[in-house]
Amino acid sequence: MSDGKKLTRRAVIIGAGVGAGATALAAVLGRHGPPEAPKLGTSLTAHRREGDLLVKDPLHRDWNRVEGILVAMQAQQVAPPFLDEAGLSELEVRAAHDGTELAFRLQWKDEDRDDLDGIARFHDAVAIQIPAVTGETPPPITMGTPGSPVHILQWRASWQRDLGEKTGSKTLYPNLVRDIGPEELLGYVAAAPFEAARAVGNPLSAAERVSPVEEIVAEGFGSATTLSVQRARGAGVWAEGRWAVTIAVPMARGASGAPIEPGSSWPLAFAVWLGSQKNRGSRKHFADWVSCVVEA
């Protein structure tokens, strides 16, 4: 073989190697580089991630490297009390898992930070609804139905605030005059009859908050029941007129539903409450079911 042909063959081999390397690099960048801005969609992928799922940091830049979608929100007008008019059009959703825990990062626009409850005053909140079991047809969007339960994860801005500081009547009403409470006079156990909600385990009246997320199971209207064992966690940050909230739940759900396994597909539904617009209870924004593929 002549020197010219050897050089030509060598150049082809080198060129092929460079091309293959570039293709591999492009694949890596396509998988791990910044994805396109989320668009309206009905199909979401929970990407597999090694290491920290960043549940404690909703604003971490790595969350923006996870592909997400926008889900369309609408006013709840199925069951009273209705929401007359929607104040929110879309919710940004991103998801990731590590084989043990499934995490979501949710973002939406809200010019007002509402994290205190009071007279005619309501908190911001967001929730994810997951069927207890997977199947071709999801249960009714209305919190399931008897025989078709759902698992709900609800983050509350007021509970998030409780983790950072002890809130109470004085927080809302600084000029309030309060002498002494039953628990301060009698002790926590003896004061239970004077604090009935706390004594029976009402999570809204908990003396100590460990997570801003509540795990609930339901089988239709009026059946929402808080789980006796709470394992979900999350965090929320409000900045520049926008909430960023993370919610994570163990994929082995135990009593709340069938395990969420890598490679499976699940329908998800979402709800958002805007406290400044007096959203509470069923007066909320909701998104219909979207499909979520849990990456193998």
Protein backbone atom coordinates (compact mmCIF):
# COMPACT_ATOMS: atom_id res chain seq x y z
CA MET A 1 0.00 0.00 0.00
CA SER A 2 1.35 3.41 -0.92
CA ASP A 3 2.00 6.07 1.69
CA GLY A 4 -0.82 8.18 0.25
CA LYS A 5 -3.34 5.36 0.64
CA LYS A 6 -2.10 4.64 4.19
CA LEU A 7 -2.58 8.28 5.11
CA THR A 8 -6.03 8.32 3.56
CA ARG A 9 -7.07 5.15 5.41
CA ARG A 10 -5.65 6.50 8.66
CA ALA A 11 -7.52 9.76 8.18
CA VAL A 12 -10.77 7.86 7.63
CA ILE A 13 -10.21 5.81 10.78
CA ILE A 14 -9.38 8.91 12.83
CA GLY A 15 -12.35 10.73 11.35
CA ALA A 16 -14.64 7.84 12.21
CA GLY A 17 -13.29 7.81 15.75
CA VAL A 18 -13.83 11.52 16.15
CA GLY A 19 -17.33 11.17 14.70
CA ALA A 20 -18.18 8.37 17.11
CA GLY A 21 -16.78 10.38 20.01
CA ALA A 22 -18.79 13.41 18.97
CA THR A 23 -21.92 11.28 18.70
CA ALA A 24 -21.32 9.84 22.17
CA LEU A 25 -20.68 13.32 23.57
CA ALA A 26 -23.83 14.61 21.93
CA ALA A 27 -25.78 11.78 23.52
CA VAL A 28 -24.34 12.62 26.92
CA LEU A 29 -25.11 16.30 26.49
CA GLY A 30 -28.59 15.47 25.27
CA ARG A 31 -29.19 13.32 28.36
CA HIS A 32 -27.52 15.48 30.98
CA GLY A 33 -27.28 18.94 29.44
CA PRO A 34 -29.84 21.69 29.90
CA PRO A 35 -33.13 20.48 28.35
CA GLU A 36 -35.54 22.65 26.44
CA ALA A 37 -37.86 24.93 28.38
CA PRO A 38 -40.90 22.98 29.60
CA LYS A 39 -43.93 23.02 27.30
CA LEU A 40 -47.55 22.11 27.85
CA GLY A 41 -47.85 18.34 27.88
CA THR A 42 -49.58 15.32 29.35
CA SER A 43 -46.60 12.95 29.56
CA LEU A 44 -43.79 13.24 32.11
CA THR A 45 -40.64 11.20 32.76
CA ALA A 46 -39.20 10.74 36.24
CA HIS A 47 -35.51 10.47 35.35
CA ARG A 48 -33.16 8.18 37.21
CA ARG A 49 -30.58 10.14 39.22
CA GLU A 50 -27.61 8.91 41.19
CA GLY A 51 -26.92 10.73 44.41
CA ASP A 52 -28.86 13.44 46.20
CA LEU A 53 -32.35 14.13 44.87
CA LEU A 54 -32.05 17.76 46.08
CA VAL A 55 -35.32 17.63 47.99
CA LYS A 56 -34.03 20.15 50.52
CA ASP A 57 -33.15 22.68 47.82
CA PRO A 58 -36.01 23.42 45.38
CA LEU A 59 -33.97 26.17 43.70
CA HIS A 60 -30.85 24.10 43.05
CA ARG A 61 -29.69 24.63 39.45
CA ASP A 62 -29.58 20.87 38.80
CA TRP A 63 -33.37 20.77 38.94
CA ASN A 64 -33.36 22.87 35.77
CA ARG A 65 -31.36 20.13 34.04
CA VAL A 66 -34.24 17.69 34.55
CA GLU A 67 -36.73 17.61 31.71
CA GLY A 68 -40.15 18.83 32.73
CA ILE A 69 -43.57 19.77 31.42
CA LEU A 70 -46.20 22.42 32.01
CA VAL A 71 -49.60 21.11 33.02
CA ALA A 72 -52.70 23.19 32.36
CA MET A 73 -54.58 24.26 35.49
CA GLN A 74 -58.28 24.99 35.66
CA ALA A 75 -60.80 26.18 38.24
CA GLN A 76 -62.40 23.37 40.25
CA GLN A 77 -66.10 23.44 39.37
CA VAL A 78 -67.04 19.80 39.93
CA ALA A 79 -67.93 19.89 43.63
CA PRO A 80 -68.97 22.85 45.81
CA PRO A 81 -67.60 25.14 47.01
CA PHE A 82 -66.49 26.00 43.47
CA LEU A 83 -63.66 28.23 42.34
CA ASP A 84 -65.43 30.80 40.17
CA GLU A 85 -62.42 31.85 38.12
CA ALA A 86 -58.93 30.45 37.66
CA GLY A 87 -56.09 32.63 38.89
CA LEU A 88 -53.41 30.25 37.61
CA SER A 89 -53.02 28.83 34.13
CA GLU A 90 -50.10 26.40 34.42
CA LEU A 91 -47.89 24.44 36.79
CA GLU A 92 -44.32 23.41 35.96
CA VAL A 93 -43.52 19.82 36.95
CA ARG A 94 -40.17 17.99 36.97
CA ALA A 95 -39.51 14.56 38.46
CA ALA A 96 -36.58 12.34 39.37
CA HIS A 97 -35.91 9.19 41.40
CA ASP A 98 -33.00 7.20 42.78
CA GLY A 99 -34.65 3.79 42.87
CA THR A 100 -35.77 4.31 46.46
CA GLU A 101 -37.50 7.68 46.53
CA LEU A 102 -39.55 9.56 43.92
CA ALA A 103 -39.20 13.35 43.97
CA PHE A 104 -40.97 16.21 42.22
CA ARG A 105 -40.13 19.88 41.80
CA LEU A 106 -43.20 22.05 41.25
CA GLN A 107 -43.18 25.74 40.32
CA TRP A 108 -45.97 28.25 39.76
CA LYS A 109 -46.45 32.01 39.65
CA ASP A 110 -47.87 33.66 42.76
CA GLU A 111 -47.29 37.33 43.45
CA ASP A 112 -48.31 36.91 47.10
CA ARG A 113 -46.60 34.72 49.65
CA ASP A 114 -49.35 33.37 51.92
CA ASP A 115 -47.97 31.22 54.72
CA LEU A 116 -50.13 32.22 57.68
CA ASP A 117 -53.66 31.13 58.51
CA GLY A 118 -56.09 33.42 60.30
CA ILE A 119 -59.56 34.90 60.13
CA ALA A 120 -60.40 35.10 56.40
CA ARG A 121 -56.73 34.39 55.70
CA PHE A 122 -55.56 31.28 53.86
CA HIS A 123 -52.28 29.61 52.90
CA ASP A 124 -50.74 28.63 49.57
CA ALA A 125 -50.48 24.91 48.88
CA VAL A 126 -49.85 22.30 46.19
CA ALA A 127 -50.69 18.60 46.00
CA ILE A 128 -49.91 15.51 43.92
CA GLN A 129 -52.45 12.71 43.55
CA ILE A 130 -51.29 9.15 42.75
CA PRO A 131 -53.57 6.12 42.43
CA ALA A 132 -53.07 3.46 45.07
CA VAL A 133 -52.64 0.91 42.28
CA THR A 134 -51.65 1.41 38.67
CA GLY A 135 -53.85 0.42 35.75
CA GLU A 136 -54.95 1.39 32.28
CA THR A 137 -57.81 3.53 33.61
CA PRO A 138 -57.07 5.90 36.51
CA PRO A 139 -59.65 6.38 39.26
CA PRO A 140 -61.98 9.40 39.17
CA ILE A 141 -60.09 12.68 39.40
CA THR A 142 -62.32 13.57 42.36
CA MET A 143 -60.00 12.01 44.97
CA GLY A 144 -60.81 8.49 43.82
CA THR A 145 -63.94 6.54 44.62
CA PRO A 146 -64.88 3.64 46.95
CA GLY A 147 -62.78 0.69 45.85
CA SER A 148 -60.37 2.92 43.87
CA PRO A 149 -58.34 4.84 46.46
CA VAL A 150 -55.74 7.51 45.81
CA HIS A 151 -52.59 8.61 47.63
CA ILE A 152 -52.25 12.39 48.04
CA LEU A 153 -49.14 14.37 48.97
CA GLN A 154 -49.95 17.94 49.99
CA TRP A 155 -47.39 20.65 50.75
CA ARG A 156 -48.60 23.66 52.76
CA ALA A 157 -46.84 27.02 52.94
CA SER A 158 -48.02 27.45 56.55
CA TRP A 159 -46.40 24.14 57.52
CA GLN A 160 -43.22 25.22 55.77
CA ARG A 161 -43.20 28.37 57.90
CA ASP A 162 -43.73 26.29 61.05
CA LEU A 163 -40.44 24.52 60.38
CA GLY A 164 -38.54 27.79 60.32
CA GLU A 165 -40.17 29.50 63.26
CA LYS A 166 -42.81 28.85 65.87
CA THR A 167 -45.96 30.59 64.64
CA GLY A 168 -49.04 31.36 66.64
CA SER A 169 -51.62 33.98 67.48
CA LYS A 170 -48.93 36.56 68.28
CA THR A 171 -47.48 36.15 64.79
CA LEU A 172 -50.78 37.18 63.24
CA TYR A 173 -51.80 39.67 65.89
CA PRO A 174 -48.67 41.26 67.44
CA ASN A 175 -50.71 43.36 69.90
CA LEU A 176 -52.57 40.36 71.29
CA VAL A 177 -52.48 40.09 75.09
CA ARG A 178 -52.10 36.51 76.26
CA ASP A 179 -51.43 35.57 79.86
CA ILE A 180 -50.67 31.86 80.04
CA GLY A 181 -51.83 28.79 78.17
CA PRO A 182 -53.04 25.47 79.61
CA GLU A 183 -49.90 23.62 78.50
CA GLU A 184 -47.69 26.16 80.26
CA LEU A 185 -49.65 25.83 83.49
CA LEU A 186 -50.45 22.11 83.52
CA GLY A 187 -47.94 20.54 81.19
CA TYR A 188 -48.53 19.02 77.77
CA VAL A 189 -50.28 15.80 78.91
CA ALA A 190 -52.57 17.31 81.55
CA ALA A 191 -53.56 20.16 79.23
CA ALA A 192 -54.85 17.77 76.54
CA PRO A 193 -58.57 18.23 77.42
CA PHE A 194 -58.18 21.96 76.75
CA GLU A 195 -56.57 21.33 73.33
CA ALA A 196 -58.90 18.72 71.87
CA ALA A 197 -57.62 18.84 68.26
CA ARG A 198 -54.04 18.24 69.33
CA ALA A 199 -55.10 15.53 71.78
CA VAL A 200 -56.83 13.47 69.06
CA GLY A 201 -53.92 13.82 66.68
CA ASN A 202 -55.25 16.42 64.24
CA PRO A 203 -52.16 17.17 62.09
CA LEU A 204 -53.22 20.81 61.67
CA SER A 205 -52.77 21.28 65.42
CA ALA A 206 -49.51 19.39 65.88
CA ALA A 207 -47.27 20.83 68.59
CA GLU A 208 -44.18 20.08 66.53
CA ARG A 209 -43.85 20.03 62.75
CA VAL A 210 -41.34 17.64 61.14
CA SER A 211 -42.35 17.96 57.46
CA PRO A 212 -44.28 20.51 55.36
CA VAL A 213 -45.91 17.62 53.45
CA GLU A 214 -48.93 15.61 54.58
CA GLU A 215 -49.67 12.12 53.25
CA ILE A 216 -53.37 11.42 52.78
CA VAL A 217 -55.44 8.54 51.41
CA ALA A 218 -58.93 9.03 50.01
CA GLU A 219 -61.73 7.15 48.27
CA GLY A 220 -63.91 10.03 47.12
CA PHE A 221 -65.37 13.28 48.44
CA GLY A 222 -65.15 13.75 52.19
CA SER A 223 -63.00 10.67 52.76
CA ALA A 224 -59.53 12.24 53.06
CA THR A 225 -57.66 10.55 55.90
CA THR A 226 -54.17 11.43 57.08
CA LEU A 227 -51.83 8.45 57.33
CA SER A 228 -50.78 7.40 60.81
CA VAL A 229 -47.18 7.05 59.57
CA GLN A 230 -45.91 10.05 57.59
CA ARG A 231 -42.86 9.42 55.40
CA ALA A 232 -43.11 12.10 52.71
CA ARG A 233 -40.78 15.08 52.86
CA GLY A 234 -40.32 18.31 50.96
CA ALA A 235 -39.44 21.98 50.99
CA GLY A 236 -40.77 25.22 49.56
CA VAL A 237 -39.15 28.55 48.67
CA TRP A 238 -40.93 31.70 47.50
CA ALA A 239 -38.85 34.15 45.50
CA GLU A 240 -39.60 36.86 42.94
CA GLY A 241 -43.28 36.10 42.68
CA ARG A 242 -42.89 32.36 42.26
CA TRP A 243 -43.10 29.26 44.44
CA ALA A 244 -40.63 26.40 44.01
CA VAL A 245 -41.66 23.30 45.97
CA THR A 246 -40.19 19.82 46.23
CA ILE A 247 -42.18 16.77 47.34
CA ALA A 248 -40.65 13.31 47.75
CA VAL A 249 -42.13 9.99 48.80
CA PRO A 250 -40.64 6.51 49.27
CA MET A 251 -41.30 4.35 46.21
CA ALA A 252 -42.18 1.45 48.51
CA ARG A 253 -45.37 3.11 49.70
CA GLY A 254 -46.54 0.54 52.22
CA ALA A 255 -50.12 1.06 53.40
CA SER A 256 -50.73 4.00 51.04
CA GLY A 257 -50.47 2.00 47.82
CA ALA A 258 -48.60 -0.39 45.57
CA PRO A 259 -44.86 0.21 45.14
CA ILE A 260 -43.78 2.63 42.42
CA GLU A 261 -41.20 0.58 40.54
CA PRO A 262 -38.60 1.71 37.99
CA GLY A 263 -39.92 1.03 34.50
CA SER A 264 -43.56 1.48 35.51
CA SER A 265 -46.00 4.16 34.37
CA TRP A 266 -48.39 6.03 36.67
CA PRO A 267 -51.11 8.65 36.20
CA LEU A 268 -50.64 11.80 38.28
CA ALA A 269 -52.96 14.70 39.04
CA PHE A 270 -52.14 18.06 40.62
CA ALA A 271 -53.84 20.82 42.59
CA VAL A 272 -52.77 24.32 43.62
CA TRP A 273 -54.28 26.69 46.18
CA LEU A 274 -53.66 30.46 46.09
CA GLY A 275 -54.21 31.83 49.56
CA SER A 276 -54.47 35.44 48.39
CA GLN A 277 -57.47 34.45 46.26
CA LYS A 278 -59.14 32.71 49.21
CA ASN A 279 -58.53 29.22 47.86
CA ARG A 280 -59.15 26.49 50.45
CA GLY A 281 -60.63 23.04 50.55
CA SER A 282 -62.22 22.20 47.21
CA ARG A 283 -61.98 25.85 46.08
CA LYS A 284 -58.75 25.26 44.20
CA HIS A 285 -57.04 24.86 40.81
CA PHE A 286 -56.56 21.36 39.46
CA ALA A 287 -54.95 19.56 36.53
CA ASP A 288 -56.38 16.42 34.99
CA TRP A 289 -54.39 13.19 34.89
CA VAL A 290 -51.00 13.15 33.17
CA SER A 291 -48.89 10.03 32.65
CA CYS A 292 -45.53 9.65 34.41
CA VAL A 293 -42.98 7.06 33.27
CA VAL A 294 -40.53 6.09 36.01
CA GLU A 295 -37.23 5.62 34.18
CA ALA A 296 -35.68 2.15 34.59
